[in-house]
């Protein structure tokens, strides 16, 4: 039953990511902009005058990732508790 729990957890995680993608990032360019800011050093962003943009893009990406991971982990644990 553990394999089923893992599969359902992954499906829930990816499903939440897909459902929230357009809501958080608007399009693929917005997503890649957030990824770019995550790899760019914060000091360099502040020097270029993009400090707040860097902060919000990093926050959006991290919130999106964590919501999906929490949904997947919750599904995995819930299935294990119910049927394990």
C-alpha atoms as a PDB file:
ATOM      1  CA  UNK A   1       0.000   0.000   0.000  1.00  0.00           C
ATOM      2  CA  UNK A   2       3.015   2.251   0.464  1.00  0.00           C
ATOM      3  CA  UNK A   3       3.616   2.422  -3.296  1.00  0.00           C
ATOM      4  CA  UNK A   4       0.039   3.599  -3.831  1.00  0.00           C
ATOM      5  CA  UNK A   5       0.501   6.253  -1.145  1.00  0.00           C
ATOM      6  CA  UNK A   6       3.671   7.511  -2.847  1.00  0.00           C
ATOM      7  CA  UNK A   7       1.968   7.620  -6.250  1.00  0.00           C
ATOM      8  CA  UNK A   8      -1.060   9.466  -4.864  1.00  0.00           C
ATOM      9  CA  UNK A   9       1.216  11.888  -3.004  1.00  0.00           C
ATOM     10  CA  UNK A  10       3.158  12.686  -6.175  1.00  0.00           C
ATOM     11  CA  UNK A  11      -0.060  13.100  -8.165  1.00  0.00           C
ATOM     12  CA  UNK A  12      -1.454  15.462  -5.523  1.00  0.00           C
ATOM     13  CA  UNK A  13       1.768  17.473  -5.430  1.00  0.00           C
ATOM     14  CA  UNK A  14       1.982  17.878  -9.202  1.00  0.00           C
ATOM     15  CA  UNK A  15      -1.756  18.540  -9.417  1.00  0.00           C
ATOM     16  CA  UNK A  16      -1.554  21.388  -6.910  1.00  0.00           C
ATOM     17  CA  UNK A  17       1.466  22.826  -8.728  1.00  0.00           C
ATOM     18  CA  UNK A  18      -0.413  22.701 -12.039  1.00  0.00           C
ATOM     19  CA  UNK A  19      -3.552  24.250 -10.543  1.00  0.00           C
ATOM     20  CA  UNK A  20      -1.681  27.130  -8.913  1.00  0.00           C
ATOM     21  CA  UNK A  21       0.784  27.788 -11.744  1.00  0.00           C
ATOM     22  CA  UNK A  22      -1.275  30.301 -13.721  1.00  0.00           C
ATOM     23  CA  UNK A  23      -2.638  31.896 -10.547  1.00  0.00           C
ATOM     24  CA  UNK A  24       0.819  32.634  -9.143  1.00  0.00           C
ATOM     25  CA  UNK A  25       3.048  33.117 -12.196  1.00  0.00           C
ATOM     26  CA  UNK A  26       0.606  34.153 -14.987  1.00  0.00           C
ATOM     27  CA  UNK A  27       2.687  32.411 -17.676  1.00  0.00           C
ATOM     28  CA  UNK A  28       5.891  30.522 -18.333  1.00  0.00           C
ATOM     29  CA  UNK A  29       7.924  33.732 -18.632  1.00  0.00           C
ATOM     30  CA  UNK A  30       6.864  34.784 -15.133  1.00  0.00           C
ATOM     31  CA  UNK A  31       7.946  31.402 -13.799  1.00  0.00           C
ATOM     32  CA  UNK A  32      11.375  31.554 -15.419  1.00  0.00           C
ATOM     33  CA  UNK A  33      11.801  35.122 -14.186  1.00  0.00           C
ATOM     34  CA  UNK A  34      11.246  33.870 -10.629  1.00  0.00           C
ATOM     35  CA  UNK A  35      13.720  31.024 -11.154  1.00  0.00           C
ATOM     36  CA  UNK A  36      16.267  33.515 -12.512  1.00  0.00           C
ATOM     37  CA  UNK A  37      15.897  35.719  -9.441  1.00  0.00           C
ATOM     38  CA  UNK A  38      16.324  32.719  -7.138  1.00  0.00           C
ATOM     39  CA  UNK A  39      19.755  31.981  -8.621  1.00  0.00           C
ATOM     40  CA  UNK A  40      20.808  35.641  -8.714  1.00  0.00           C
ATOM     41  CA  UNK A  41      22.584  36.840  -5.545  1.00  0.00           C
ATOM     42  CA  UNK A  42      20.439  39.203  -3.460  1.00  0.00           C
ATOM     43  CA  UNK A  43      23.210  41.757  -3.149  1.00  0.00           C
ATOM     44  CA  UNK A  44      23.530  41.954  -6.923  1.00  0.00           C
ATOM     45  CA  UNK A  45      19.779  42.519  -7.222  1.00  0.00           C
ATOM     46  CA  UNK A  46      19.877  45.329  -4.670  1.00  0.00           C
ATOM     47  CA  UNK A  47      22.806  46.979  -6.457  1.00  0.00           C
ATOM     48  CA  UNK A  48      20.857  46.857  -9.744  1.00  0.00           C
ATOM     49  CA  UNK A  49      17.749  48.305  -8.083  1.00  0.00           C
ATOM     50  CA  UNK A  50      15.774  45.054  -8.402  1.00  0.00           C
ATOM     51  CA  UNK A  51      15.777  44.127  -4.721  1.00  0.00           C
ATOM     52  CA  UNK A  52      12.025  44.143  -4.152  1.00  0.00           C
ATOM     53  CA  UNK A  53      11.359  42.344  -7.431  1.00  0.00           C
ATOM     54  CA  UNK A  54      13.866  39.682  -6.384  1.00  0.00           C
ATOM     55  CA  UNK A  55      12.207  39.353  -2.974  1.00  0.00           C
ATOM     56  CA  UNK A  56       8.679  38.930  -4.366  1.00  0.00           C
ATOM     57  CA  UNK A  57       9.730  36.518  -7.112  1.00  0.00           C
ATOM     58  CA  UNK A  58      11.644  34.380  -4.636  1.00  0.00           C
ATOM     59  CA  UNK A  59       8.697  34.448  -2.238  1.00  0.00           C
ATOM     60  CA  UNK A  60       6.237  33.429  -4.972  1.00  0.00           C
ATOM     61  CA  UNK A  61       8.396  30.512  -6.098  1.00  0.00           C
ATOM     62  CA  UNK A  62       8.998  29.264  -2.560  1.00  0.00           C
ATOM     63  CA  UNK A  63       5.321  29.506  -1.579  1.00  0.00           C
ATOM     64  CA  UNK A  64       4.296  27.664  -4.753  1.00  0.00           C
ATOM     65  CA  UNK A  65       6.821  24.884  -4.105  1.00  0.00           C
ATOM     66  CA  UNK A  66       5.921  24.514  -0.419  1.00  0.00           C
ATOM     67  CA  UNK A  67       2.158  24.406  -1.011  1.00  0.00           C
ATOM     68  CA  UNK A  68       2.612  21.561  -3.490  1.00  0.00           C
ATOM     69  CA  UNK A  69       5.005  19.675  -1.240  1.00  0.00           C
ATOM     70  CA  UNK A  70       2.705  20.010   1.777  1.00  0.00           C
ATOM     71  CA  UNK A  71      -0.248  18.774  -0.279  1.00  0.00           C
ATOM     72  CA  UNK A  72       1.751  15.777  -1.510  1.00  0.00           C
ATOM     73  CA  UNK A  73       3.085  14.932   1.944  1.00  0.00           C
ATOM     74  CA  UNK A  74      -0.375  15.313   3.464  1.00  0.00           C
ATOM     75  CA  UNK A  75      -1.857  12.982   0.880  1.00  0.00           C
ATOM     76  CA  UNK A  76       0.907  10.435   1.448  1.00  0.00           C
ATOM     77  CA  UNK A  77       0.476  10.513   5.226  1.00  0.00           C
ATOM     78  CA  UNK A  78      -3.316  10.457   5.000  1.00  0.00           C
ATOM     79  CA  UNK A  79      -3.351   7.400   2.755  1.00  0.00           C
ATOM     80  CA  UNK A  80      -0.841   5.654   5.011  1.00  0.00           C
ATOM     81  CA  UNK A  81      -2.911   6.386   8.114  1.00  0.00           C
ATOM     82  CA  UNK A  82      -6.174   5.298   6.517  1.00  0.00           C
ATOM     83  CA  UNK A  83      -4.992   2.113   4.824  1.00  0.00           C
ATOM     84  CA  UNK A  84      -1.650   1.346   6.461  1.00  0.00           C
END
